[in-house]
PDB file of N, CA and C in Angstrom:
ATOM      1  N   MET A   1      -6.330 -22.334  -3.460  1.00  0.00           N
ATOM      2  CA  MET A   1      -5.813 -21.004  -3.671  1.00  0.00           C
ATOM      3  C   MET A   1      -5.636 -20.805  -5.170  1.00  0.00           C
ATOM      4  N   THR A   2      -5.913 -19.612  -5.628  1.00  0.00           N
ATOM      5  CA  THR A   2      -5.801 -19.272  -7.048  1.00  0.00           C
ATOM      6  C   THR A   2      -4.950 -18.018  -7.181  1.00  0.00           C
ATOM      7  N   THR A   3      -4.267 -17.921  -8.317  1.00  0.00           N
ATOM      8  CA  THR A   3      -3.472 -16.730  -8.590  1.00  0.00           C
ATOM      9  C   THR A   3      -3.600 -16.348 -10.052  1.00  0.00           C
ATOM     10  N   ASP A   4      -3.401 -15.084 -10.312  1.00  0.00           N
ATOM     11  CA  ASP A   4      -3.376 -14.585 -11.680  1.00  0.00           C
ATOM     12  C   ASP A   4      -2.602 -13.275 -11.681  1.00  0.00           C
ATOM     13  N   GLU A   5      -2.160 -12.886 -12.868  1.00  0.00           N
ATOM     14  CA  GLU A   5      -1.463 -11.610 -13.017  1.00  0.00           C
ATOM     15  C   GLU A   5      -2.315 -10.701 -13.880  1.00  0.00           C
ATOM     16  N   VAL A   6      -2.187  -9.408 -13.638  1.00  0.00           N
ATOM     17  CA  VAL A   6      -2.911  -8.422 -14.427  1.00  0.00           C
ATOM     18  C   VAL A   6      -2.037  -7.178 -14.575  1.00  0.00           C
ATOM     19  N   TRP A   7      -2.035  -6.598 -15.783  1.00  0.00           N
ATOM     20  CA  TRP A   7      -1.338  -5.333 -16.001  1.00  0.00           C
ATOM     21  C   TRP A   7      -2.262  -4.204 -15.608  1.00  0.00           C
ATOM     22  N   LEU A   8      -1.791  -3.305 -14.773  1.00  0.00           N
ATOM     23  CA  LEU A   8      -2.535  -2.124 -14.367  1.00  0.00           C
ATOM     24  C   LEU A   8      -1.930  -0.916 -15.083  1.00  0.00           C
ATOM     25  N   TYR A   9      -2.770  -0.150 -15.760  1.00  0.00           N
ATOM     26  CA  TYR A   9      -2.317   1.015 -16.526  1.00  0.00           C
ATOM     27  C   TYR A   9      -2.834   2.284 -15.876  1.00  0.00           C
ATOM     28  N   HIS A  10      -2.017   3.321 -15.925  1.00  0.00           N
ATOM     29  CA  HIS A  10      -2.431   4.633 -15.439  1.00  0.00           C
ATOM     30  C   HIS A  10      -2.259   5.614 -16.595  1.00  0.00           C
ATOM     31  N   HIS A  11      -3.312   6.321 -16.899  1.00  0.00           N
ATOM     32  CA  HIS A  11      -3.218   7.340 -17.938  1.00  0.00           C
ATOM     33  C   HIS A  11      -4.001   8.571 -17.494  1.00  0.00           C
ATOM     34  N   ASP A  12      -3.698   9.683 -18.131  1.00  0.00           N
ATOM     35  CA  ASP A  12      -4.407  10.929 -17.856  1.00  0.00           C
ATOM     36  C   ASP A  12      -5.443  11.128 -18.953  1.00  0.00           C
ATOM     37  N   PRO A  13      -6.726  10.975 -18.624  1.00  0.00           N
ATOM     38  CA  PRO A  13      -7.750  11.168 -19.650  1.00  0.00           C
ATOM     39  C   PRO A  13      -7.859  12.634 -20.055  1.00  0.00           C
ATOM     40  N   GLU A  14      -8.337  12.851 -21.277  1.00  0.00           N
ATOM     41  CA  GLU A  14      -8.536  14.215 -21.746  1.00  0.00           C
ATOM     42  C   GLU A  14      -9.707  14.843 -21.004  1.00  0.00           C
ATOM     43  N   THR A  15      -9.641  16.137 -20.842  1.00  0.00           N
ATOM     44  CA  THR A  15     -10.796  16.842 -20.307  1.00  0.00           C
ATOM     45  C   THR A  15     -11.790  17.042 -21.445  1.00  0.00           C
ATOM     46  N   LYS A  16     -13.006  17.423 -21.109  1.00  0.00           N
ATOM     47  CA  LYS A  16     -14.016  17.661 -22.142  1.00  0.00           C
ATOM     48  C   LYS A  16     -13.544  18.762 -23.093  1.00  0.00           C
ATOM     49  N   GLN A  17     -12.900  19.796 -22.555  1.00  0.00           N
ATOM     50  CA  GLN A  17     -12.396  20.899 -23.375  1.00  0.00           C
ATOM     51  C   GLN A  17     -11.317  20.407 -24.339  1.00  0.00           C
ATOM     52  N   GLN A  18     -10.419  19.539 -23.874  1.00  0.00           N
ATOM     53  CA  GLN A  18      -9.337  19.041 -24.727  1.00  0.00           C
ATOM     54  C   GLN A  18      -9.859  18.140 -25.840  1.00  0.00           C
ATOM     55  N   SER A  19     -10.966  17.442 -25.617  1.00  0.00           N
ATOM     56  CA  SER A  19     -11.449  16.509 -26.625  1.00  0.00           C
ATOM     57  C   SER A  19     -12.410  17.149 -27.621  1.00  0.00           C
ATOM     58  N   MET A  20     -12.743  18.440 -27.432  1.00  0.00           N
ATOM     59  CA  MET A  20     -13.637  19.117 -28.370  1.00  0.00           C
ATOM     60  C   MET A  20     -12.915  19.356 -29.690  1.00  0.00           C
ATOM     61  N   GLU A  21     -13.675  19.268 -30.796  1.00  0.00           N
ATOM     62  CA  GLU A  21     -13.083  19.512 -32.100  1.00  0.00           C
ATOM     63  C   GLU A  21     -14.149  20.088 -33.024  1.00  0.00           C
ATOM     64  N   TRP A  22     -13.689  20.790 -34.057  1.00  0.00           N
ATOM     65  CA  TRP A  22     -14.607  21.348 -35.050  1.00  0.00           C
ATOM     66  C   TRP A  22     -14.869  20.280 -36.095  1.00  0.00           C
ATOM     67  N   ARG A  23     -16.166  20.085 -36.429  1.00  0.00           N
ATOM     68  CA  ARG A  23     -16.518  19.159 -37.500  1.00  0.00           C
ATOM     69  C   ARG A  23     -17.867  19.570 -38.062  1.00  0.00           C
ATOM     70  N   HIS A  24     -18.175  19.072 -39.253  1.00  0.00           N
ATOM     71  CA  HIS A  24     -19.476  19.352 -39.870  1.00  0.00           C
ATOM     72  C   HIS A  24     -20.557  18.590 -39.126  1.00  0.00           C
ATOM     73  N   SER A  25     -21.769  19.088 -39.188  1.00  0.00           N
ATOM     74  CA  SER A  25     -22.862  18.471 -38.437  1.00  0.00           C
ATOM     75  C   SER A  25     -23.160  17.046 -38.902  1.00  0.00           C
ATOM     76  N   GLY A  26     -22.896  16.703 -40.159  1.00  0.00           N
ATOM     77  CA  GLY A  26     -23.186  15.357 -40.660  1.00  0.00           C
ATOM     78  C   GLY A  26     -22.002  14.393 -40.567  1.00  0.00           C
ATOM     79  N   SER A  27     -20.829  14.882 -40.224  1.00  0.00           N
ATOM     80  CA  SER A  27     -19.657  13.997 -40.197  1.00  0.00           C
ATOM     81  C   SER A  27     -19.676  13.119 -38.938  1.00  0.00           C
ATOM     82  N   PRO A  28     -19.216  11.872 -39.068  1.00  0.00           N
ATOM     83  CA  PRO A  28     -19.245  10.966 -37.911  1.00  0.00           C
ATOM     84  C   PRO A  28     -18.193  11.355 -36.868  1.00  0.00           C
ATOM     85  N   ARG A  29     -18.473  10.994 -35.634  1.00  0.00           N
ATOM     86  CA  ARG A  29     -17.496  11.232 -34.558  1.00  0.00           C
ATOM     87  C   ARG A  29     -16.341  10.248 -34.686  1.00  0.00           C
ATOM     88  N   PRO A  30     -15.127  10.707 -34.462  1.00  0.00           N
ATOM     89  CA  PRO A  30     -14.007   9.758 -34.465  1.00  0.00           C
ATOM     90  C   PRO A  30     -14.071   8.887 -33.211  1.00  0.00           C
ATOM     91  N   PRO A  31     -13.593   7.642 -33.288  1.00  0.00           N
ATOM     92  CA  PRO A  31     -13.624   6.775 -32.103  1.00  0.00           C
ATOM     93  C   PRO A  31     -12.689   7.303 -31.022  1.00  0.00           C
ATOM     94  N   LYS A  32     -13.096   7.114 -29.771  1.00  0.00           N
ATOM     95  CA  LYS A  32     -12.267   7.525 -28.634  1.00  0.00           C
ATOM     96  C   LYS A  32     -11.286   6.406 -28.322  1.00  0.00           C
ATOM     97  N   LEU A  33     -10.034   6.656 -28.496  1.00  0.00           N
ATOM     98  CA  LEU A  33      -8.989   5.685 -28.183  1.00  0.00           C
ATOM     99  C   LEU A  33      -8.016   6.310 -27.198  1.00  0.00           C
ATOM    100  N   ILE A  34      -7.407   5.462 -26.391  1.00  0.00           N
ATOM    101  CA  ILE A  34      -6.371   5.944 -25.479  1.00  0.00           C
ATOM    102  C   ILE A  34      -5.030   5.725 -26.172  1.00  0.00           C
ATOM    103  N   PRO A  35      -4.406   6.780 -26.647  1.00  0.00           N
ATOM    104  CA  PRO A  35      -3.111   6.590 -27.299  1.00  0.00           C
ATOM    105  C   PRO A  35      -2.062   6.130 -26.294  1.00  0.00           C
ATOM    106  N   SER A  36      -1.167   5.285 -26.770  1.00  0.00           N
ATOM    107  CA  SER A  36      -0.158   4.736 -25.864  1.00  0.00           C
ATOM    108  C   SER A  36       0.756   5.816 -25.300  1.00  0.00           C
ATOM    109  N   ALA A  37       0.878   6.938 -25.986  1.00  0.00           N
ATOM    110  CA  ALA A  37       1.735   8.018 -25.494  1.00  0.00           C
ATOM    111  C   ALA A  37       1.173   8.638 -24.214  1.00  0.00           C
ATOM    112  N   LYS A  38      -0.132   8.492 -23.988  1.00  0.00           N
ATOM    113  CA  LYS A  38      -0.733   9.098 -22.803  1.00  0.00           C
ATOM    114  C   LYS A  38      -0.668   8.188 -21.586  1.00  0.00           C
ATOM    115  N   ILE A  39      -0.268   6.939 -21.769  1.00  0.00           N
ATOM    116  CA  ILE A  39      -0.143   6.044 -20.621  1.00  0.00           C
ATOM    117  C   ILE A  39       1.079   6.486 -19.824  1.00  0.00           C
ATOM    118  N   ARG A  40       0.859   6.841 -18.580  1.00  0.00           N
ATOM    119  CA  ARG A  40       1.951   7.350 -17.759  1.00  0.00           C
ATOM    120  C   ARG A  40       2.813   6.235 -17.215  1.00  0.00           C
ATOM    121  N   TRP A  41       2.182   5.118 -16.786  1.00  0.00           N
ATOM    122  CA  TRP A  41       2.942   3.977 -16.292  1.00  0.00           C
ATOM    123  C   TRP A  41       2.059   2.747 -16.307  1.00  0.00           C
ATOM    124  N   LYS A  42       2.709   1.589 -16.261  1.00  0.00           N
ATOM    125  CA  LYS A  42       1.986   0.337 -16.105  1.00  0.00           C
ATOM    126  C   LYS A  42       2.780  -0.532 -15.139  1.00  0.00           C
ATOM    127  N   ILE A  43       2.069  -1.402 -14.439  1.00  0.00           N
ATOM    128  CA  ILE A  43       2.713  -2.253 -13.450  1.00  0.00           C
ATOM    129  C   ILE A  43       1.997  -3.604 -13.443  1.00  0.00           C
ATOM    130  N   LEU A  44       2.752  -4.667 -13.221  1.00  0.00           N
ATOM    131  CA  LEU A  44       2.187  -6.013 -13.180  1.00  0.00           C
ATOM    132  C   LEU A  44       1.857  -6.372 -11.730  1.00  0.00           C
ATOM    133  N   ALA A  45       0.606  -6.760 -11.488  1.00  0.00           N
ATOM    134  CA  ALA A  45       0.176  -7.159 -10.152  1.00  0.00           C
ATOM    135  C   ALA A  45      -0.104  -8.654 -10.156  1.00  0.00           C
ATOM    136  N   SER A  46       0.461  -9.374  -9.188  1.00  0.00           N
ATOM    137  CA  SER A  46       0.153 -10.786  -8.972  1.00  0.00           C
ATOM    138  C   SER A  46      -0.812 -10.847  -7.796  1.00  0.00           C
ATOM    139  N   ILE A  47      -1.961 -11.481  -8.023  1.00  0.00           N
ATOM    140  CA  ILE A  47      -3.010 -11.518  -7.004  1.00  0.00           C
ATOM    141  C   ILE A  47      -3.247 -12.966  -6.600  1.00  0.00           C
ATOM    142  N   TYR A  48      -3.253 -13.234  -5.297  1.00  0.00           N
ATOM    143  CA  TYR A  48      -3.477 -14.567  -4.742  1.00  0.00           C
ATOM    144  C   TYR A  48      -4.728 -14.515  -3.877  1.00  0.00           C
ATOM    145  N   TRP A  49      -5.665 -15.459  -4.108  1.00  0.00           N
ATOM    146  CA  TRP A  49      -6.896 -15.469  -3.319  1.00  0.00           C
ATOM    147  C   TRP A  49      -7.405 -16.890  -3.132  1.00  0.00           C
ATOM    148  N   ASP A  50      -8.315 -17.024  -2.177  1.00  0.00           N
ATOM    149  CA  ASP A  50      -8.994 -18.293  -1.954  1.00  0.00           C
ATOM    150  C   ASP A  50     -10.468 -17.997  -1.696  1.00  0.00           C
ATOM    151  N   GLN A  51     -11.216 -18.982  -1.217  1.00  0.00           N
ATOM    152  CA  GLN A  51     -12.658 -18.803  -1.018  1.00  0.00           C
ATOM    153  C   GLN A  51     -12.984 -17.751   0.035  1.00  0.00           C
ATOM    154  N   ASP A  52     -12.024 -17.406   0.891  1.00  0.00           N
ATOM    155  CA  ASP A  52     -12.259 -16.411   1.942  1.00  0.00           C
ATOM    156  C   ASP A  52     -11.856 -15.001   1.536  1.00  0.00           C
ATOM    157  N   GLY A  53     -11.239 -14.831   0.375  1.00  0.00           N
ATOM    158  CA  GLY A  53     -10.863 -13.493  -0.080  1.00  0.00           C
ATOM    159  C   GLY A  53      -9.424 -13.405  -0.540  1.00  0.00           C
ATOM    160  N   ILE A  54      -8.973 -12.182  -0.743  1.00  0.00           N
ATOM    161  CA  ILE A  54      -7.613 -11.923  -1.235  1.00  0.00           C
ATOM    162  C   ILE A  54      -6.611 -12.170  -0.123  1.00  0.00           C
ATOM    163  N   ILE A  55      -5.549 -12.896  -0.471  1.00  0.00           N
ATOM    164  CA  ILE A  55      -4.477 -13.196   0.481  1.00  0.00           C
ATOM    165  C   ILE A  55      -3.306 -12.241   0.279  1.00  0.00           C
ATOM    166  N   LEU A  56      -2.933 -12.028  -0.981  1.00  0.00           N
ATOM    167  CA  LEU A  56      -1.763 -11.196  -1.263  1.00  0.00           C
ATOM    168  C   LEU A  56      -1.911 -10.541  -2.629  1.00  0.00           C
ATOM    169  N   ILE A  57      -1.558  -9.271  -2.710  1.00  0.00           N
ATOM    170  CA  ILE A  57      -1.387  -8.576  -3.987  1.00  0.00           C
ATOM    171  C   ILE A  57       0.052  -8.096  -3.994  1.00  0.00           C
ATOM    172  N   TYR A  58       0.808  -8.553  -4.993  1.00  0.00           N
ATOM    173  CA  TYR A  58       2.224  -8.196  -5.058  1.00  0.00           C
ATOM    174  C   TYR A  58       2.480  -7.502  -6.388  1.00  0.00           C
ATOM    175  N   TYR A  59       3.134  -6.348  -6.339  1.00  0.00           N
ATOM    176  CA  TYR A  59       3.428  -5.575  -7.536  1.00  0.00           C
ATOM    177  C   TYR A  59       4.876  -5.825  -7.946  1.00  0.00           C
ATOM    178  N   LEU A  60       5.067  -6.205  -9.196  1.00  0.00           N
ATOM    179  CA  LEU A  60       6.407  -6.477  -9.716  1.00  0.00           C
ATOM    180  C   LEU A  60       7.207  -5.184  -9.751  1.00  0.00           C
ATOM    181  N   PRO A  61       8.385  -5.159  -9.112  1.00  0.00           N
ATOM    182  CA  PRO A  61       9.202  -3.935  -9.125  1.00  0.00           C
ATOM    183  C   PRO A  61       9.610  -3.552 -10.552  1.00  0.00           C
ATOM    184  N   LYS A  62       9.751  -2.268 -10.795  1.00  0.00           N
ATOM    185  CA  LYS A  62      10.125  -1.768 -12.118  1.00  0.00           C
ATOM    186  C   LYS A  62      11.484  -2.345 -12.530  1.00  0.00           C
ATOM    187  N   GLY A  63      11.564  -2.833 -13.742  1.00  0.00           N
ATOM    188  CA  GLY A  63      12.800  -3.396 -14.262  1.00  0.00           C
ATOM    189  C   GLY A  63      13.002  -4.865 -13.921  1.00  0.00           C
ATOM    190  N   GLN A  64      12.151  -5.432 -13.075  1.00  0.00           N
ATOM    191  CA  GLN A  64      12.251  -6.836 -12.661  1.00  0.00           C
ATOM    192  C   GLN A  64      11.467  -7.704 -13.641  1.00  0.00           C
ATOM    193  N   THR A  65      11.955  -8.901 -13.900  1.00  0.00           N
ATOM    194  CA  THR A  65      11.221  -9.870 -14.701  1.00  0.00           C
ATOM    195  C   THR A  65      10.876 -11.067 -13.829  1.00  0.00           C
ATOM    196  N   ILE A  66       9.837 -11.781 -14.223  1.00  0.00           N
ATOM    197  CA  ILE A  66       9.453 -12.967 -13.465  1.00  0.00           C
ATOM    198  C   ILE A  66      10.330 -14.122 -13.937  1.00  0.00           C
ATOM    199  N   ASN A  67      11.190 -14.581 -13.048  1.00  0.00           N
ATOM    200  CA  ASN A  67      12.051 -15.721 -13.330  1.00  0.00           C
ATOM    201  C   ASN A  67      11.945 -16.684 -12.150  1.00  0.00           C
ATOM    202  N   ALA A  68      12.698 -17.766 -12.194  1.00  0.00           N
ATOM    203  CA  ALA A  68      12.604 -18.794 -11.156  1.00  0.00           C
ATOM    204  C   ALA A  68      12.957 -18.238  -9.773  1.00  0.00           C
ATOM    205  N   GLU A  69      13.987 -17.421  -9.695  1.00  0.00           N
ATOM    206  CA  GLU A  69      14.416 -16.854  -8.411  1.00  0.00           C
ATOM    207  C   GLU A  69      13.330 -15.935  -7.830  1.00  0.00           C
ATOM    208  N   TYR A  70      12.786 -15.060  -8.681  1.00  0.00           N
ATOM    209  CA  TYR A  70      11.728 -14.148  -8.234  1.00  0.00           C
ATOM    210  C   TYR A  70      10.510 -14.937  -7.769  1.00  0.00           C
ATOM    211  N   TYR A  71      10.089 -15.904  -8.571  1.00  0.00           N
ATOM    212  CA  TYR A  71       8.870 -16.645  -8.271  1.00  0.00           C
ATOM    213  C   TYR A  71       9.004 -17.489  -7.010  1.00  0.00           C
ATOM    214  N   SER A  72      10.162 -18.128  -6.830  1.00  0.00           N
ATOM    215  CA  SER A  72      10.341 -18.935  -5.622  1.00  0.00           C
ATOM    216  C   SER A  72      10.371 -18.064  -4.366  1.00  0.00           C
ATOM    217  N   SER A  73      10.977 -16.867  -4.436  1.00  0.00           N
ATOM    218  CA  SER A  73      10.970 -15.971  -3.271  1.00  0.00           C
ATOM    219  C   SER A  73       9.552 -15.459  -2.996  1.00  0.00           C
ATOM    220  N   LEU A  74       8.768 -15.259  -4.040  1.00  0.00           N
ATOM    221  CA  LEU A  74       7.386 -14.831  -3.862  1.00  0.00           C
ATOM    222  C   LEU A  74       6.555 -15.935  -3.204  1.00  0.00           C
ATOM    223  N   LEU A  75       6.809 -17.192  -3.561  1.00  0.00           N
ATOM    224  CA  LEU A  75       6.078 -18.299  -2.950  1.00  0.00           C
ATOM    225  C   LEU A  75       6.439 -18.469  -1.474  1.00  0.00           C
ATOM    226  N   VAL A  76       7.695 -18.228  -1.109  1.00  0.00           N
ATOM    227  CA  VAL A  76       8.095 -18.281   0.303  1.00  0.00           C
ATOM    228  C   VAL A  76       7.379 -17.175   1.079  1.00  0.00           C
ATOM    229  N   GLN A  77       7.325 -15.992   0.489  1.00  0.00           N
ATOM    230  CA  GLN A  77       6.619 -14.869   1.107  1.00  0.00           C
ATOM    231  C   GLN A  77       5.131 -15.197   1.249  1.00  0.00           C
ATOM    232  N   LEU A  78       4.552 -15.811   0.230  1.00  0.00           N
ATOM    233  CA  LEU A  78       3.148 -16.195   0.261  1.00  0.00           C
ATOM    234  C   LEU A  78       2.887 -17.229   1.352  1.00  0.00           C
ATOM    235  N   LYS A  79       3.804 -18.161   1.523  1.00  0.00           N
ATOM    236  CA  LYS A  79       3.663 -19.194   2.564  1.00  0.00           C
ATOM    237  C   LYS A  79       3.574 -18.557   3.951  1.00  0.00           C
ATOM    238  N   ASP A  80       4.433 -17.581   4.213  1.00  0.00           N
ATOM    239  CA  ASP A  80       4.423 -16.899   5.515  1.00  0.00           C
ATOM    240  C   ASP A  80       3.122 -16.118   5.723  1.00  0.00           C
ATOM    241  N   ILE A  81       2.667 -15.421   4.687  1.00  0.00           N
ATOM    242  CA  ILE A  81       1.428 -14.652   4.784  1.00  0.00           C
ATOM    243  C   ILE A  81       0.241 -15.586   4.945  1.00  0.00           C
ATOM    244  N   LEU A  82       0.274 -16.720   4.253  1.00  0.00           N
ATOM    245  CA  LEU A  82      -0.812 -17.695   4.346  1.00  0.00           C
ATOM    246  C   LEU A  82      -0.919 -18.262   5.758  1.00  0.00           C
ATOM    247  N   LYS A  83       0.215 -18.548   6.392  1.00  0.00           N
ATOM    248  CA  LYS A  83       0.207 -19.037   7.779  1.00  0.00           C
ATOM    249  C   LYS A  83      -0.412 -18.007   8.719  1.00  0.00           C
ATOM    250  N   GLU A  84      -0.138 -16.737   8.463  1.00  0.00           N
ATOM    251  CA  GLU A  84      -0.642 -15.666   9.319  1.00  0.00           C
ATOM    252  C   GLU A  84      -2.136 -15.401   9.085  1.00  0.00           C
ATOM    253  N   LYS A  85      -2.537 -15.290   7.811  1.00  0.00           N
ATOM    254  CA  LYS A  85      -3.919 -14.923   7.501  1.00  0.00           C
ATOM    255  C   LYS A  85      -4.900 -16.089   7.603  1.00  0.00           C
ATOM    256  N   ARG A  86      -4.458 -17.296   7.369  1.00  0.00           N
ATOM    257  CA  ARG A  86      -5.343 -18.460   7.385  1.00  0.00           C
ATOM    258  C   ARG A  86      -4.947 -19.425   8.500  1.00  0.00           C
ATOM    259  N   ARG A  87      -4.620 -18.875   9.655  1.00  0.00           N
ATOM    260  CA  ARG A  87      -4.208 -19.662  10.814  1.00  0.00           C
ATOM    261  C   ARG A  87      -5.294 -20.684  11.154  1.00  0.00           C
ATOM    262  N   GLY A  88      -4.907 -21.945  11.328  1.00  0.00           N
ATOM    263  CA  GLY A  88      -5.842 -22.996  11.684  1.00  0.00           C
ATOM    264  C   GLY A  88      -6.517 -23.647  10.492  1.00  0.00           C
ATOM    265  N   LYS A  89      -6.374 -23.067   9.298  1.00  0.00           N
ATOM    266  CA  LYS A  89      -7.006 -23.641   8.113  1.00  0.00           C
ATOM    267  C   LYS A  89      -6.019 -24.400   7.236  1.00  0.00           C
ATOM    268  N   ILE A  90      -4.744 -24.291   7.537  1.00  0.00           N
ATOM    269  CA  ILE A  90      -3.721 -24.934   6.718  1.00  0.00           C
ATOM    270  C   ILE A  90      -3.616 -26.405   7.104  1.00  0.00           C
ATOM    271  N   THR A  91      -3.677 -27.250   6.087  1.00  0.00           N
ATOM    272  CA  THR A  91      -3.455 -28.680   6.299  1.00  0.00           C
ATOM    273  C   THR A  91      -2.066 -29.007   5.782  1.00  0.00           C
ATOM    274  N   LYS A  92      -1.786 -30.283   5.588  1.00  0.00           N
ATOM    275  CA  LYS A  92      -0.455 -30.663   5.104  1.00  0.00           C
ATOM    276  C   LYS A  92      -0.212 -30.222   3.666  1.00  0.00           C
ATOM    277  N   THR A  93      -1.286 -30.107   2.885  1.00  0.00           N
ATOM    278  CA  THR A  93      -1.113 -29.697   1.489  1.00  0.00           C
ATOM    279  C   THR A  93      -1.994 -28.491   1.187  1.00  0.00           C
ATOM    280  N   VAL A  94      -1.539 -27.708   0.247  1.00  0.00           N
ATOM    281  CA  VAL A  94      -2.309 -26.572  -0.246  1.00  0.00           C
ATOM    282  C   VAL A  94      -2.456 -26.771  -1.739  1.00  0.00           C
ATOM    283  N   LEU A  95      -3.699 -26.801  -2.219  1.00  0.00           N
ATOM    284  CA  LEU A  95      -3.936 -26.897  -3.650  1.00  0.00           C
ATOM    285  C   LEU A  95      -3.761 -25.512  -4.237  1.00  0.00           C
ATOM    286  N   PHE A  96      -3.010 -25.432  -5.322  1.00  0.00           N
ATOM    287  CA  PHE A  96      -2.608 -24.152  -5.873  1.00  0.00           C
ATOM    288  C   PHE A  96      -2.894 -24.153  -7.369  1.00  0.00           C
ATOM    289  N   LEU A  97      -3.772 -23.286  -7.828  1.00  0.00           N
ATOM    290  CA  LEU A  97      -4.088 -23.160  -9.245  1.00  0.00           C
ATOM    291  C   LEU A  97      -3.492 -21.861  -9.745  1.00  0.00           C
ATOM    292  N   HIS A  98      -2.584 -21.987 -10.695  1.00  0.00           N
ATOM    293  CA  HIS A  98      -1.936 -20.804 -11.250  1.00  0.00           C
ATOM    294  C   HIS A  98      -2.336 -20.671 -12.710  1.00  0.00           C
ATOM    295  N   ASP A  99      -3.323 -19.821 -12.958  1.00  0.00           N
ATOM    296  CA  ASP A  99      -3.772 -19.509 -14.309  1.00  0.00           C
ATOM    297  C   ASP A  99      -4.172 -20.781 -15.050  1.00  0.00           C
ATOM    298  N   ASN A 100      -4.273 -20.722 -16.357  1.00  0.00           N
ATOM    299  CA  ASN A 100      -4.664 -21.877 -17.140  1.00  0.00           C
ATOM    300  C   ASN A 100      -3.691 -22.124 -18.288  1.00  0.00           C
ATOM    301  N   VAL A 101      -2.441 -21.812 -18.078  1.00  0.00           N
ATOM    302  CA  VAL A 101      -1.427 -21.980 -19.121  1.00  0.00           C
ATOM    303  C   VAL A 101      -0.633 -23.259 -18.859  1.00  0.00           C
ATOM    304  N   PRO A 102       0.029 -23.779 -19.887  1.00  0.00           N
ATOM    305  CA  PRO A 102       0.874 -24.950 -19.681  1.00  0.00           C
ATOM    306  C   PRO A 102       1.980 -24.652 -18.657  1.00  0.00           C
ATOM    307  N   ALA A 103       2.459 -25.684 -18.018  1.00  0.00           N
ATOM    308  CA  ALA A 103       3.481 -25.524 -16.992  1.00  0.00           C
ATOM    309  C   ALA A 103       4.788 -25.012 -17.581  1.00  0.00           C
ATOM    310  N   HIS A 104       5.410 -24.108 -16.843  1.00  0.00           N
ATOM    311  CA  HIS A 104       6.741 -23.616 -17.197  1.00  0.00           C
ATOM    312  C   HIS A 104       7.722 -24.215 -16.209  1.00  0.00           C
ATOM    313  N   ARG A 105       8.902 -24.510 -16.671  1.00  0.00           N
ATOM    314  CA  ARG A 105       9.909 -25.077 -15.776  1.00  0.00           C
ATOM    315  C   ARG A 105      11.164 -24.220 -15.824  1.00  0.00           C
ATOM    316  N   ALA A 106      11.662 -23.944 -14.647  1.00  0.00           N
ATOM    317  CA  ALA A 106      12.893 -23.173 -14.539  1.00  0.00           C
ATOM    318  C   ALA A 106      13.601 -23.638 -13.299  1.00  0.00           C
ATOM    319  N   LEU A 107      14.904 -23.646 -13.351  1.00  0.00           N
ATOM    320  CA  LEU A 107      15.718 -24.083 -12.234  1.00  0.00           C
ATOM    321  C   LEU A 107      16.132 -22.864 -11.410  1.00  0.00           C
ATOM    322  N   ALA A 108      15.739 -22.840 -10.151  1.00  0.00           N
ATOM    323  CA  ALA A 108      16.130 -21.747  -9.257  1.00  0.00           C
ATOM    324  C   ALA A 108      17.477 -22.103  -8.633  1.00  0.00           C
ATOM    325  N   ILE A 109      18.395 -21.169  -8.697  1.00  0.00           N
ATOM    326  CA  ILE A 109      19.746 -21.423  -8.186  1.00  0.00           C
ATOM    327  C   ILE A 109      19.865 -20.838  -6.805  1.00  0.00           C
TER     328      ILE A 109
END
C-alpha cells in the first residue's frame, strides 16, 4: 500500500474578455500567472492506494493539522476500510510506504 498527500487548489480563471489588454503590435505578451488572490480555497488530500486501485481519499478538515492523534485515527479508519475493500487479501502484515521522506516520530496520547 502506498500513500501520499497533495494540495488541491480551486481558483476562478479569467474569461477571455477579462484577460484582453491593449498593447502595441510588437510588444511581448505578459506571462499568464495565477495570482494567489484568485485562489478561492485549497485543501490537503491524503490518498491511499495499492496495486488494485485507490483505497481511500481523505480530505484534511479546515483548520486541522496533521499530528500524531490525527494520523493514528486516520490509520484506524484506513484499517477498517482496508478490511472491507480488500476482503480475503489481507495477511498478517501490510507493507506500507508513506512518501519518501525521513521518518517522523510523535507520541499519540
